[in-house]
Amino acid sequence: MMRRPNLTIAATMPNAVAYLALFSYPLVAILLFRRLPLVPALILTFLLGYLFLPQGFTINVPLLPDLNKETVPAAAALVLALSRSRTEMRRVARSVVRGAGSVRDAAAKKLVHRRPHPLFVALMLVFIVSPLGVAYSNMDAFRVGPVTVLPMTMFDGFSLTQDAIMTLIPFFLARRYLAEPEAQLVLLRILVALALVYSLFMLWEVRFSPQLHRLIYGYHQHSFVQHIRDGYRPMVFLYHGLAVGIFAAMCCLATAGLWRISSERLKQANEERRQTARDRVRAPAVAADAGDPAAKSGPQPVRRRSTKQARDPLRNPTRWVLILMWLMFMTFLSRNLGATAIAAALLPFIVFAGIRVQLMAAAAIGLFILTFPMMRSAGLVPLDTALSWAADYNQQRSDSLAFRIRNEDMLMEKANQRPLFGWGSWGRNRVRDAETGQDTSVTDGEWIIVLGTSGWVGYLSRYGLLILPVVLLARRRRGDLDQASAALSLMLIANMIDTIPNANISPVTWLIAGSLAGRVEMTSRVAAPSRRAAAAAAGAARERRALA
């Protein structure tokens, strides 16, 4: 629970609605899985919890992970998705047993076989086990002036391991169920739909100030002062207005990807319709030459598109252009300069570049982020140029950036003292005054927080799981790539760029990364046919050769 004072309204306790929303959310997840197919139910379980459950409201349970807006949807989605998929596989097996085919063949047709990529498996294991190394290497207390910083215990390590497992649940489920192109397309469409819904709440808070969380759940989730920027910066139900901005920017990229897909499908449908019309015109002439009396009636009229095809949103690029314009306006209206700049910089890749160029650009930026601490320490990051650009735009933002750089320098100097596993929790990674012991540092960027608390082991395992799927996907053959994966890759990279100045890794980030990781595994190998199917295929080939 976070209770911080703001300009006008004193902090209050969470009301009964916060408890009701958190404890009743498993029922919402059950309803989603009963009413919807597996893929949209899984996506909505994570996204609705992230976007609408109370922020900063945590219930501590002894020996179990804390209950909050991330762990409750994750646990519900894990149980329901695994039970649902097991039930569907049993149904497939029973239907095949009643038929004449092979269970193995049917399963291969139903679900594409994927062998886990060893790099992803290794990184997940390191991500889960590394908190034990962090705790073991930080079992010493130390004094800074009159303040004694507490040591960590192995119980803290096990608690952090539980948190790591809960963090990886979206990645694990998305890697298993959201890897196919159709599932990735559903993910893009649901993200855009929820962004449109969220834009209404954003408009309300831009006009009336960020008060929705307080009005519904009884308390402010963050400092009100930080959300006055020549107007109001909306927070809605996320932890900060910066998280709202980057979510809107990512959904802008998703809309642009859907526009590309819609344009390609419309072009393909028009070409098929023209080809059908040409075939209908040629058919009577061919039949007349063959002496068919029915050919005298002339060419048949071309049937118009059906109502279902005409209303297909993936064949209406204009709709996605209008949505993109609206979401870009909302991103700008959220008063997040960084998120707006990221969206404006990455949108041209989706709009103008090919799929291969999109993935290569995303992979190049991702590798830069993965090695950012090393480049930062070596002085290869043009900080002076960034400061001069910020000063040209606004001196206040330039001063804020300079303040962040000074704090990152201090925190990196301390992180380098324990580079392997970091300093752990309990504020041990912070920089304190040598005389008073007061904390003099400010941690903003996700990368410096992870590097200071978990060291290079924690940093590479976390950022490796988030960035390497994009890098490996960019190495794929052209036939294995599609626009949905390219759009998701750029969305993920947009989120990772934002982690340099801010800490905005969310379940949405892990869902996208898991979907791309599963796509890498799915395209790397295909299901091998059973012996019976292979023998039948070989026999059919021999018969065709004999007849030829």
Protein backbone atom coordinates (compact mmCIF):
# COMPACT_ATOMS: atom_id res chain seq x y z
CA MET A 1 0.00 0.00 0.00
CA MET A 2 1.38 3.39 -1.01
CA ARG A 3 0.13 6.44 0.92
CA ARG A 4 1.72 9.68 -0.14
CA PRO A 5 0.49 13.25 0.35
CA ASN A 6 -0.45 15.40 -2.63
CA LEU A 7 -1.33 18.99 -3.29
CA THR A 8 -4.96 19.00 -2.31
CA ILE A 9 -6.01 15.70 -0.84
CA ALA A 10 -4.46 13.92 2.09
CA ALA A 11 -3.58 10.26 1.71
CA THR A 12 -6.28 7.84 2.82
CA MET A 13 -6.59 4.15 3.40
CA PRO A 14 -7.76 1.84 0.59
CA ASN A 15 -11.50 1.38 0.74
CA ALA A 16 -13.53 -1.79 0.46
CA VAL A 17 -13.59 -1.51 -3.34
CA ALA A 18 -9.83 -2.14 -3.46
CA TYR A 19 -10.19 -5.35 -1.45
CA LEU A 20 -13.22 -6.42 -3.47
CA ALA A 21 -11.49 -5.81 -6.80
CA LEU A 22 -8.37 -7.74 -5.83
CA PHE A 23 -10.08 -10.74 -4.25
CA SER A 24 -12.82 -11.04 -6.88
CA TYR A 25 -10.47 -10.87 -9.84
CA PRO A 26 -10.01 -14.69 -10.02
CA LEU A 27 -13.78 -14.89 -10.64
CA VAL A 28 -13.36 -12.43 -13.50
CA ALA A 29 -10.58 -14.60 -14.92
CA ILE A 30 -12.75 -17.72 -14.64
CA LEU A 31 -15.55 -15.94 -16.49
CA LEU A 32 -13.16 -14.89 -19.25
CA PHE A 33 -11.85 -18.42 -19.72
CA ARG A 34 -15.38 -19.86 -19.77
CA ARG A 35 -16.76 -17.37 -22.29
CA LEU A 36 -13.79 -16.78 -24.62
CA PRO A 37 -11.23 -18.89 -26.48
CA LEU A 38 -7.96 -19.57 -24.72
CA VAL A 39 -5.84 -16.89 -26.43
CA PRO A 40 -8.05 -13.81 -25.86
CA ALA A 41 -8.98 -15.00 -22.37
CA LEU A 42 -5.31 -15.30 -21.43
CA ILE A 43 -4.45 -11.86 -22.84
CA LEU A 44 -7.41 -10.13 -21.20
CA THR A 45 -6.69 -11.73 -17.83
CA PHE A 46 -3.29 -10.07 -17.71
CA LEU A 47 -4.19 -6.76 -19.35
CA LEU A 48 -7.40 -6.04 -17.46
CA GLY A 49 -5.61 -6.70 -14.18
CA TYR A 50 -2.69 -4.47 -15.11
CA LEU A 51 -4.86 -1.62 -16.36
CA PHE A 52 -7.70 -1.55 -13.83
CA LEU A 53 -6.78 -3.21 -10.51
CA PRO A 54 -5.62 -0.95 -7.63
CA GLN A 55 -1.99 0.13 -7.92
CA GLY A 56 0.39 -0.11 -4.97
CA PHE A 57 -2.12 -2.15 -2.95
CA THR A 58 -0.39 -5.26 -1.59
CA ILE A 59 -1.53 -7.88 0.88
CA ASN A 60 1.29 -9.76 2.58
CA VAL A 61 0.74 -13.50 2.93
CA PRO A 62 3.25 -15.46 5.08
CA LEU A 63 5.46 -17.84 3.08
CA LEU A 64 3.65 -16.93 -0.17
CA PRO A 65 4.09 -14.17 -2.76
CA ASP A 66 2.38 -10.87 -2.01
CA LEU A 67 -1.09 -10.41 -3.45
CA ASN A 68 -1.25 -7.41 -5.78
CA LYS A 69 -2.35 -6.41 -9.29
CA GLU A 70 0.44 -8.44 -10.89
CA THR A 71 0.50 -11.66 -8.88
CA VAL A 72 -3.26 -12.29 -8.66
CA PRO A 73 -3.86 -12.19 -12.47
CA ALA A 74 -0.66 -14.19 -13.03
CA ALA A 75 -1.69 -16.98 -10.66
CA ALA A 76 -5.23 -17.10 -12.04
CA ALA A 77 -4.01 -17.15 -15.65
CA LEU A 78 -1.49 -19.91 -14.93
CA VAL A 79 -4.02 -22.26 -13.32
CA LEU A 80 -6.80 -21.60 -15.83
CA ALA A 81 -4.64 -21.71 -18.95
CA LEU A 82 -2.92 -24.98 -18.03
CA SER A 83 -6.20 -26.64 -17.05
CA ARG A 84 -7.93 -25.34 -20.19
CA SER A 85 -5.19 -26.52 -22.54
CA ARG A 86 -5.07 -29.94 -20.86
CA THR A 87 -8.83 -30.30 -21.30
CA GLU A 88 -8.63 -29.33 -24.96
CA MET A 89 -5.83 -31.84 -25.62
CA ARG A 90 -7.88 -34.61 -24.00
CA ARG A 91 -10.84 -33.65 -26.20
CA VAL A 92 -8.65 -33.83 -29.30
CA ALA A 93 -7.30 -37.23 -28.26
CA ARG A 94 -10.82 -38.64 -27.69
CA SER A 95 -12.08 -37.36 -31.04
CA VAL A 96 -9.11 -38.88 -32.84
CA VAL A 97 -9.44 -42.22 -31.09
CA ARG A 98 -13.04 -42.40 -32.32
CA GLY A 99 -11.77 -41.71 -35.85
CA ALA A 100 -9.22 -43.54 -37.92
CA GLY A 101 -6.21 -41.26 -37.58
CA SER A 102 -3.28 -41.19 -35.26
CA VAL A 103 -3.35 -39.23 -32.00
CA ARG A 104 0.17 -38.06 -32.65
CA ASP A 105 -0.70 -36.82 -36.13
CA ALA A 106 -3.74 -34.93 -34.87
CA ALA A 107 -1.78 -33.31 -32.07
CA ALA A 108 0.87 -32.27 -34.57
CA LYS A 109 -1.81 -30.63 -36.70
CA LYS A 110 -3.53 -29.03 -33.71
CA LEU A 111 -0.46 -27.59 -32.02
CA VAL A 112 2.85 -26.85 -33.72
CA HIS A 113 5.64 -28.70 -31.94
CA ARG A 114 8.30 -26.45 -30.44
CA ARG A 115 11.47 -27.52 -28.73
CA PRO A 116 12.48 -25.04 -26.00
CA HIS A 117 15.38 -22.81 -26.99
CA PRO A 118 18.31 -23.59 -24.64
CA LEU A 119 19.19 -19.91 -24.28
CA PHE A 120 15.71 -19.00 -23.00
CA VAL A 121 15.66 -21.97 -20.64
CA ALA A 122 19.08 -21.04 -19.22
CA LEU A 123 18.13 -17.39 -18.75
CA MET A 124 14.89 -18.30 -17.00
CA LEU A 125 16.72 -20.59 -14.62
CA VAL A 126 19.31 -17.93 -13.84
CA PHE A 127 16.56 -15.34 -13.37
CA ILE A 128 14.83 -17.57 -10.82
CA VAL A 129 17.93 -18.82 -8.96
CA SER A 130 19.99 -15.60 -8.93
CA PRO A 131 18.12 -14.09 -5.91
CA LEU A 132 19.63 -16.85 -3.78
CA GLY A 133 23.10 -15.72 -4.87
CA VAL A 134 22.14 -12.11 -4.15
CA ALA A 135 21.05 -13.01 -0.63
CA TYR A 136 24.09 -15.20 0.05
CA SER A 137 26.54 -12.49 -1.03
CA ASN A 138 24.83 -9.76 1.05
CA MET A 139 24.58 -11.36 4.47
CA ASP A 140 26.73 -8.63 5.99
CA ALA A 141 25.57 -5.47 7.74
CA PHE A 142 27.47 -2.20 7.28
CA ARG A 143 27.37 1.25 8.81
CA VAL A 144 27.25 4.61 7.06
CA GLY A 145 27.65 7.28 9.69
CA PRO A 146 25.09 6.63 12.44
CA VAL A 147 22.92 4.40 10.21
CA THR A 148 23.25 0.61 10.13
CA VAL A 149 22.11 -1.02 6.88
CA LEU A 150 20.55 -4.40 7.56
CA PRO A 151 21.94 -7.64 6.10
CA MET A 152 19.98 -9.99 3.89
CA THR A 153 19.05 -13.52 4.90
CA MET A 154 18.42 -16.64 2.89
CA PHE A 155 14.74 -16.21 3.70
CA ASP A 156 14.91 -12.95 1.73
CA GLY A 157 16.49 -14.89 -1.13
CA PHE A 158 13.64 -17.41 -1.18
CA SER A 159 11.12 -14.57 -1.05
CA LEU A 160 12.80 -12.86 -4.03
CA THR A 161 12.82 -16.20 -5.86
CA GLN A 162 9.05 -16.40 -5.42
CA ASP A 163 8.75 -12.90 -6.84
CA ALA A 164 10.92 -13.90 -9.81
CA ILE A 165 8.68 -16.89 -10.53
CA MET A 166 5.56 -14.72 -10.43
CA THR A 167 7.26 -12.20 -12.73
CA LEU A 168 8.03 -14.88 -15.32
CA ILE A 169 4.50 -16.33 -15.49
CA PRO A 170 3.38 -13.93 -18.29
CA PHE A 171 6.54 -14.75 -20.24
CA PHE A 172 6.05 -18.50 -19.77
CA LEU A 173 2.37 -18.51 -20.79
CA ALA A 174 2.86 -16.17 -23.75
CA ARG A 175 5.78 -18.28 -24.95
CA ARG A 176 3.51 -21.32 -24.93
CA TYR A 177 0.17 -19.95 -26.16
CA LEU A 178 0.83 -16.65 -27.99
CA ALA A 179 3.58 -17.70 -30.39
CA GLU A 180 1.54 -18.31 -33.53
CA PRO A 181 0.90 -15.39 -35.93
CA GLU A 182 -2.86 -15.57 -35.34
CA ALA A 183 -2.36 -15.28 -31.57
CA GLN A 184 0.02 -12.34 -32.02
CA LEU A 185 -2.60 -10.65 -34.19
CA VAL A 186 -5.17 -11.11 -31.42
CA LEU A 187 -2.70 -9.60 -28.95
CA LEU A 188 -2.26 -6.52 -31.13
CA ARG A 189 -6.00 -6.01 -31.57
CA ILE A 190 -6.76 -6.39 -27.87
CA LEU A 191 -4.03 -3.93 -26.95
CA VAL A 192 -5.44 -1.34 -29.35
CA ALA A 193 -9.01 -1.91 -28.14
CA LEU A 194 -8.00 -1.46 -24.50
CA ALA A 195 -5.96 1.61 -25.40
CA LEU A 196 -9.09 3.16 -26.92
CA VAL A 197 -11.01 2.44 -23.72
CA TYR A 198 -8.17 3.80 -21.60
CA SER A 199 -8.04 6.99 -23.69
CA LEU A 200 -11.48 7.95 -22.33
CA PHE A 201 -10.19 7.77 -18.75
CA MET A 202 -7.09 9.68 -19.80
CA LEU A 203 -9.25 12.46 -21.25
CA TRP A 204 -11.20 12.67 -18.01
CA GLU A 205 -8.04 13.07 -15.94
CA VAL A 206 -6.50 15.57 -18.34
CA ARG A 207 -9.59 17.71 -17.79
CA PHE A 208 -10.33 17.10 -14.09
CA SER A 209 -6.88 16.02 -12.73
CA PRO A 210 -5.66 12.46 -11.97
CA GLN A 211 -8.27 11.49 -9.38
CA LEU A 212 -9.89 8.31 -10.72
CA HIS A 213 -7.78 5.98 -8.60
CA ARG A 214 -8.57 7.97 -5.45
CA LEU A 215 -12.27 8.20 -6.25
CA ILE A 216 -12.61 4.45 -6.83
CA TYR A 217 -10.03 2.89 -4.54
CA GLY A 218 -9.73 5.56 -1.87
CA TYR A 219 -6.10 6.67 -2.21
CA HIS A 220 -3.60 8.21 -4.61
CA GLN A 221 -1.14 5.73 -6.07
CA HIS A 222 1.60 8.33 -6.52
CA SER A 223 2.54 11.88 -5.71
CA PHE A 224 0.07 14.33 -7.15
CA VAL A 225 2.72 17.04 -7.52
CA GLN A 226 4.63 15.08 -10.17
CA HIS A 227 1.59 15.05 -12.44
CA ILE A 228 1.20 18.78 -12.98
CA ARG A 229 2.88 19.64 -16.29
CA ASP A 230 1.29 22.82 -17.68
CA GLY A 231 -1.93 20.96 -17.06
CA TYR A 232 -2.53 17.47 -15.72
CA ARG A 233 -0.69 14.30 -16.60
CA PRO A 234 -3.10 11.32 -16.42
CA MET A 235 -2.26 8.32 -14.22
CA VAL A 236 -5.60 6.44 -14.44
CA PHE A 237 -4.91 3.14 -12.58
CA LEU A 238 -1.17 2.74 -13.27
CA TYR A 239 1.61 3.62 -10.87
CA HIS A 240 2.68 6.82 -12.67
CA GLY A 241 1.78 8.98 -15.63
CA LEU A 242 4.98 7.84 -17.34
CA ALA A 243 3.58 4.30 -17.46
CA VAL A 244 0.41 5.62 -19.10
CA GLY A 245 2.46 7.46 -21.71
CA ILE A 246 4.61 4.50 -22.74
CA PHE A 247 1.53 2.24 -22.86
CA ALA A 248 -0.14 4.68 -25.25
CA ALA A 249 3.04 4.92 -27.34
CA MET A 250 3.29 1.13 -27.63
CA CYS A 251 -0.35 0.92 -28.70
CA CYS A 252 0.37 3.52 -31.40
CA LEU A 253 2.97 1.13 -32.81
CA ALA A 254 0.48 -1.75 -32.56
CA THR A 255 -2.07 0.29 -34.53
CA ALA A 256 0.50 1.06 -37.22
CA GLY A 257 1.28 -2.65 -37.49
CA LEU A 258 -2.41 -3.47 -37.87
CA TRP A 259 -2.64 -0.81 -40.58
CA ARG A 260 0.17 -2.53 -42.51
CA ILE A 261 -1.51 -5.90 -42.13
CA SER A 262 -4.88 -4.45 -43.17
CA SER A 263 -3.39 -2.79 -46.25
CA GLU A 264 -1.69 -6.00 -47.33
CA ARG A 265 -4.85 -8.06 -46.85
CA LEU A 266 -6.98 -5.54 -48.71
CA LYS A 267 -4.48 -5.50 -51.58
CA GLN A 268 -4.46 -9.30 -51.68
CA ALA A 269 -8.28 -9.47 -51.60
CA ASN A 270 -8.58 -6.95 -54.44
CA GLU A 271 -6.06 -8.90 -56.51
CA GLU A 272 -7.97 -12.13 -55.92
CA ARG A 273 -11.23 -10.43 -56.89
CA ARG A 274 -9.71 -9.07 -60.11
CA GLN A 275 -8.28 -12.48 -60.93
CA THR A 276 -11.70 -14.06 -60.34
CA ALA A 277 -13.28 -11.49 -62.65
CA ARG A 278 -10.73 -12.25 -65.37
CA ASP A 279 -11.35 -15.97 -65.01
CA ARG A 280 -15.10 -15.47 -65.33
CA VAL A 281 -14.61 -13.44 -68.49
CA ARG A 282 -12.31 -16.03 -70.08
CA ALA A 283 -14.37 -19.06 -69.07
CA PRO A 284 -17.25 -18.56 -71.58
CA ALA A 285 -14.82 -18.05 -74.46
CA VAL A 286 -12.98 -21.23 -73.61
CA ALA A 287 -16.24 -23.12 -73.23
CA ALA A 288 -17.54 -21.77 -76.57
CA ASP A 289 -14.42 -22.97 -78.33
CA ALA A 290 -15.05 -26.36 -76.80
CA GLY A 291 -18.63 -26.39 -78.12
CA ASP A 292 -20.41 -25.87 -74.78
CA PRO A 293 -23.93 -24.44 -75.46
CA ALA A 294 -24.07 -22.86 -71.99
CA ALA A 295 -21.35 -20.44 -73.05
CA LYS A 296 -23.81 -18.46 -75.23
CA SER A 297 -25.20 -16.75 -72.15
CA GLY A 298 -22.03 -14.64 -71.95
CA PRO A 299 -19.85 -13.81 -68.96
CA GLN A 300 -21.35 -14.21 -65.52
CA PRO A 301 -21.55 -11.13 -63.28
CA VAL A 302 -18.92 -10.87 -60.58
CA ARG A 303 -20.35 -11.31 -57.13
CA ARG A 304 -19.74 -8.55 -54.66
CA ARG A 305 -17.99 -9.09 -51.39
CA SER A 306 -20.00 -10.67 -48.65
CA THR A 307 -21.10 -8.64 -45.63
CA LYS A 308 -18.59 -10.44 -43.44
CA GLN A 309 -15.72 -9.57 -45.76
CA ALA A 310 -16.87 -5.96 -46.11
CA ARG A 311 -16.97 -5.52 -42.34
CA ASP A 312 -13.68 -7.26 -41.67
CA PRO A 313 -11.59 -4.69 -39.73
CA LEU A 314 -8.40 -6.19 -41.14
CA ARG A 315 -9.50 -5.13 -44.63
CA ASN A 316 -10.23 -1.53 -43.67
CA PRO A 317 -6.95 0.44 -43.46
CA THR A 318 -8.79 3.75 -43.02
CA ARG A 319 -10.11 2.61 -39.66
CA TRP A 320 -6.60 1.94 -38.36
CA VAL A 321 -5.33 5.28 -39.67
CA LEU A 322 -8.01 7.10 -37.68
CA ILE A 323 -7.25 5.07 -34.57
CA LEU A 324 -3.54 5.79 -34.98
CA MET A 325 -4.18 9.53 -35.22
CA TRP A 326 -6.31 9.41 -32.08
CA LEU A 327 -3.79 7.41 -30.03
CA MET A 328 -0.92 9.66 -31.13
CA PHE A 329 -2.96 12.63 -29.99
CA MET A 330 -3.55 10.93 -26.63
CA THR A 331 0.15 10.11 -26.29
CA PHE A 332 0.96 13.77 -26.83
CA LEU A 333 -1.84 14.79 -24.46
CA SER A 334 -0.41 12.55 -21.72
CA ARG A 335 2.47 15.06 -21.44
CA ASN A 336 5.19 12.42 -21.76
CA LEU A 337 7.90 13.86 -23.95
CA GLY A 338 9.95 10.66 -23.88
CA ALA A 339 7.05 8.37 -24.85
CA THR A 340 5.96 10.75 -27.62
CA ALA A 341 9.51 10.91 -29.00
CA ILE A 342 9.88 7.12 -28.91
CA ALA A 343 6.60 6.62 -30.80
CA ALA A 344 7.51 9.28 -33.37
CA ALA A 345 10.96 7.74 -33.91
CA LEU A 346 9.76 4.14 -34.37
CA LEU A 347 6.55 4.72 -36.33
CA PRO A 348 8.35 5.38 -39.66
CA PHE A 349 9.92 1.91 -39.51
CA ILE A 350 6.48 0.26 -39.41
CA VAL A 351 4.90 2.61 -41.95
CA PHE A 352 7.65 2.69 -44.59
CA ALA A 353 10.15 -0.13 -43.99
CA GLY A 354 9.89 -3.82 -44.78
CA ILE A 355 9.61 -6.54 -42.19
CA ARG A 356 13.31 -7.42 -42.34
CA VAL A 357 14.35 -3.78 -41.84
CA GLN A 358 11.94 -3.41 -38.91
CA LEU A 359 13.38 -6.43 -37.15
CA MET A 360 16.98 -5.47 -37.84
CA ALA A 361 16.39 -1.98 -36.44
CA ALA A 362 14.70 -3.42 -33.36
CA ALA A 363 17.56 -5.90 -32.84
CA ALA A 364 20.22 -3.18 -33.19
CA ILE A 365 18.51 -0.94 -30.63
CA GLY A 366 17.98 -3.93 -28.35
CA LEU A 367 21.67 -4.87 -28.39
CA PHE A 368 22.53 -1.26 -27.54
CA ILE A 369 20.20 -1.40 -24.52
CA LEU A 370 21.57 -4.79 -23.45
CA THR A 371 25.11 -3.39 -23.36
CA PHE A 372 24.09 0.08 -22.16
CA PRO A 373 25.74 -0.11 -18.68
CA MET A 374 29.08 -1.09 -20.23
CA MET A 375 28.87 1.65 -22.83
CA ARG A 376 27.80 4.10 -20.14
CA SER A 377 30.82 3.23 -18.01
CA ALA A 378 33.15 3.46 -21.00
CA GLY A 379 31.87 6.93 -21.90
CA LEU A 380 30.46 5.81 -25.26
CA VAL A 381 27.00 7.24 -24.60
CA PRO A 382 26.73 10.85 -25.86
CA LEU A 383 25.44 12.37 -22.63
CA ASP A 384 26.69 15.89 -23.43
CA THR A 385 24.77 15.86 -26.70
CA ALA A 386 21.62 14.72 -24.91
CA LEU A 387 22.05 17.52 -22.35
CA SER A 388 22.47 20.14 -25.08
CA TRP A 389 19.36 18.89 -26.92
CA ALA A 390 17.38 18.99 -23.69
CA ALA A 391 18.64 22.53 -22.98
CA ASP A 392 17.54 23.65 -26.44
CA TYR A 393 14.07 22.28 -25.77
CA ASN A 394 13.61 23.28 -22.12
CA GLN A 395 16.13 24.29 -19.48
CA GLN A 396 14.11 22.68 -16.72
CA ARG A 397 14.21 19.32 -18.50
CA SER A 398 17.95 19.75 -19.05
CA ASP A 399 18.48 20.30 -15.32
CA SER A 400 16.36 17.22 -14.56
CA LEU A 401 18.42 15.12 -16.99
CA ALA A 402 21.68 16.37 -15.48
CA PHE A 403 20.38 15.46 -12.01
CA ARG A 404 19.58 11.93 -13.21
CA ILE A 405 23.02 11.53 -14.78
CA ARG A 406 24.76 12.57 -11.54
CA ASN A 407 22.72 10.06 -9.54
CA GLU A 408 23.38 7.28 -12.05
CA ASP A 409 27.13 7.98 -11.82
CA MET A 410 27.00 7.61 -8.03
CA LEU A 411 24.89 4.46 -8.18
CA MET A 412 27.08 2.87 -10.84
CA GLU A 413 30.18 3.54 -8.78
CA LYS A 414 28.63 1.69 -5.87
CA ALA A 415 27.25 -1.11 -8.08
CA ASN A 416 30.75 -1.76 -9.43
CA GLN A 417 31.88 -2.63 -5.91
CA ARG A 418 29.78 -5.81 -6.08
CA PRO A 419 29.39 -6.43 -9.81
CA LEU A 420 28.30 -10.08 -9.79
CA PHE A 421 25.17 -10.17 -7.62
CA GLY A 422 24.78 -6.54 -6.60
CA TRP A 423 23.82 -5.18 -3.19
CA GLY A 424 20.41 -6.79 -2.77
CA SER A 425 17.35 -5.24 -1.14
CA TRP A 426 16.76 -3.20 2.06
CA GLY A 427 18.13 -0.12 0.30
CA ARG A 428 21.64 -1.52 0.30
CA ASN A 429 22.23 -0.31 -3.27
CA ARG A 430 21.56 3.33 -2.37
CA VAL A 431 24.24 5.98 -1.84
CA ARG A 432 24.25 7.56 1.64
CA ASP A 433 25.93 10.56 3.16
CA ALA A 434 29.10 9.54 5.00
CA GLU A 435 28.34 11.74 8.02
CA THR A 436 24.57 11.68 8.45
CA GLY A 437 23.80 8.32 6.81
CA GLN A 438 20.89 9.88 4.91
CA ASP A 439 20.02 8.54 1.48
CA THR A 440 21.29 11.03 -1.11
CA SER A 441 20.53 9.08 -4.31
CA VAL A 442 17.51 8.88 -6.60
CA THR A 443 16.90 5.76 -8.69
CA ASP A 444 14.78 6.32 -11.79
CA GLY A 445 15.95 4.00 -14.57
CA GLU A 446 15.11 0.30 -14.46
CA TRP A 447 18.60 -0.62 -15.64
CA ILE A 448 20.43 1.04 -12.73
CA ILE A 449 17.96 -0.41 -10.22
CA VAL A 450 18.48 -3.95 -11.53
CA LEU A 451 22.24 -3.52 -11.82
CA GLY A 452 22.53 -2.16 -8.29
CA THR A 453 20.31 -4.73 -6.59
CA SER A 454 21.03 -7.88 -8.66
CA GLY A 455 24.38 -7.20 -10.35
CA TRP A 456 25.31 -8.32 -13.81
CA VAL A 457 23.80 -11.77 -13.26
CA GLY A 458 20.38 -10.30 -12.60
CA TYR A 459 20.73 -7.65 -15.30
CA LEU A 460 21.73 -10.03 -18.10
CA SER A 461 19.10 -12.62 -17.18
CA ARG A 462 16.29 -10.05 -17.06
CA TYR A 463 17.27 -7.96 -20.07
CA GLY A 464 18.39 -11.04 -21.97
CA LEU A 465 14.91 -12.56 -21.72
CA LEU A 466 13.37 -9.29 -22.88
CA ILE A 467 15.75 -8.42 -25.74
CA LEU A 468 17.22 -11.64 -27.13
CA PRO A 469 13.87 -12.84 -28.62
CA VAL A 470 13.97 -9.80 -30.90
CA VAL A 471 17.61 -10.43 -31.83
CA LEU A 472 17.03 -14.10 -32.59
CA LEU A 473 13.87 -13.36 -34.54
CA ALA A 474 15.78 -10.90 -36.74
CA ARG A 475 18.08 -13.77 -37.79
CA ARG A 476 15.17 -15.79 -39.17
CA ARG A 477 14.53 -16.51 -42.84
CA ARG A 478 12.18 -14.20 -44.69
CA GLY A 479 9.51 -16.88 -44.95
CA ASP A 480 9.36 -17.25 -41.16
CA LEU A 481 8.64 -13.55 -40.54
CA ASP A 482 5.40 -11.59 -40.52
CA GLN A 483 4.23 -8.06 -39.79
CA ALA A 484 2.65 -8.92 -36.43
CA SER A 485 5.98 -10.16 -35.04
CA ALA A 486 7.77 -7.09 -36.42
CA ALA A 487 5.27 -4.73 -34.80
CA LEU A 488 5.51 -6.55 -31.46
CA SER A 489 9.32 -6.37 -31.67
CA LEU A 490 9.28 -2.60 -32.12
CA MET A 491 6.72 -2.26 -29.32
CA LEU A 492 8.98 -4.23 -27.00
CA ILE A 493 12.00 -2.15 -27.97
CA ALA A 494 10.00 1.05 -27.36
CA ASN A 495 9.32 -0.19 -23.84
CA MET A 496 12.98 -1.12 -23.33
CA ILE A 497 14.14 2.33 -24.50
CA ASP A 498 11.88 3.80 -21.82
CA THR A 499 13.58 1.70 -19.14
CA ILE A 500 16.74 3.79 -19.53
CA PRO A 501 15.24 6.90 -17.90
CA ASN A 502 12.28 5.19 -16.16
CA ALA A 503 11.22 1.92 -14.54
CA ASN A 504 8.32 0.74 -16.68
CA ILE A 505 8.66 -3.05 -17.09
CA SER A 506 5.14 -4.43 -16.73
CA PRO A 507 3.19 -7.64 -17.47
CA VAL A 508 2.58 -6.19 -20.95
CA THR A 509 6.35 -6.20 -21.49
CA TRP A 510 6.69 -9.83 -20.43
CA LEU A 511 3.68 -10.90 -22.54
CA ILE A 512 5.18 -9.42 -25.69
CA ALA A 513 8.64 -10.83 -24.96
CA GLY A 514 7.20 -14.29 -24.29
CA SER A 515 5.18 -14.20 -27.49
CA LEU A 516 8.30 -13.36 -29.51
CA ALA A 517 10.34 -16.02 -27.72
CA GLY A 518 7.73 -18.63 -28.58
CA ARG A 519 7.75 -17.41 -32.18
CA VAL A 520 11.51 -18.00 -32.31
CA GLU A 521 11.05 -21.53 -31.00
CA MET A 522 8.12 -22.22 -33.30
CA THR A 523 9.97 -21.22 -36.45
CA SER A 524 13.17 -23.04 -35.49
CA ARG A 525 11.70 -26.53 -35.81
CA VAL A 526 8.58 -28.14 -37.23
CA ALA A 527 6.72 -31.15 -35.99
CA ALA A 528 8.08 -34.45 -37.22
CA PRO A 529 5.42 -36.78 -38.69
CA SER A 530 4.76 -40.15 -37.16
CA ARG A 531 6.15 -43.32 -38.75
CA ARG A 532 2.72 -44.24 -40.07
CA ALA A 533 2.27 -40.81 -41.70
CA ALA A 534 5.80 -40.89 -43.13
CA ALA A 535 5.25 -44.35 -44.61
CA ALA A 536 1.90 -43.30 -46.10
CA ALA A 537 3.46 -40.18 -47.65
CA ALA A 538 6.32 -42.24 -49.12
CA GLY A 539 3.86 -44.78 -50.58
CA ALA A 540 1.76 -42.03 -52.16
CA ALA A 541 4.88 -40.50 -53.71
CA ARG A 542 5.88 -43.87 -55.19
CA GLU A 543 2.40 -44.31 -56.68
CA ARG A 544 2.51 -40.85 -58.28
CA ARG A 545 5.91 -41.59 -59.81
CA ALA A 546 4.64 -44.95 -61.15
CA LEU A 547 1.59 -43.33 -62.73
CA ALA A 548 3.73 -40.61 -64.28
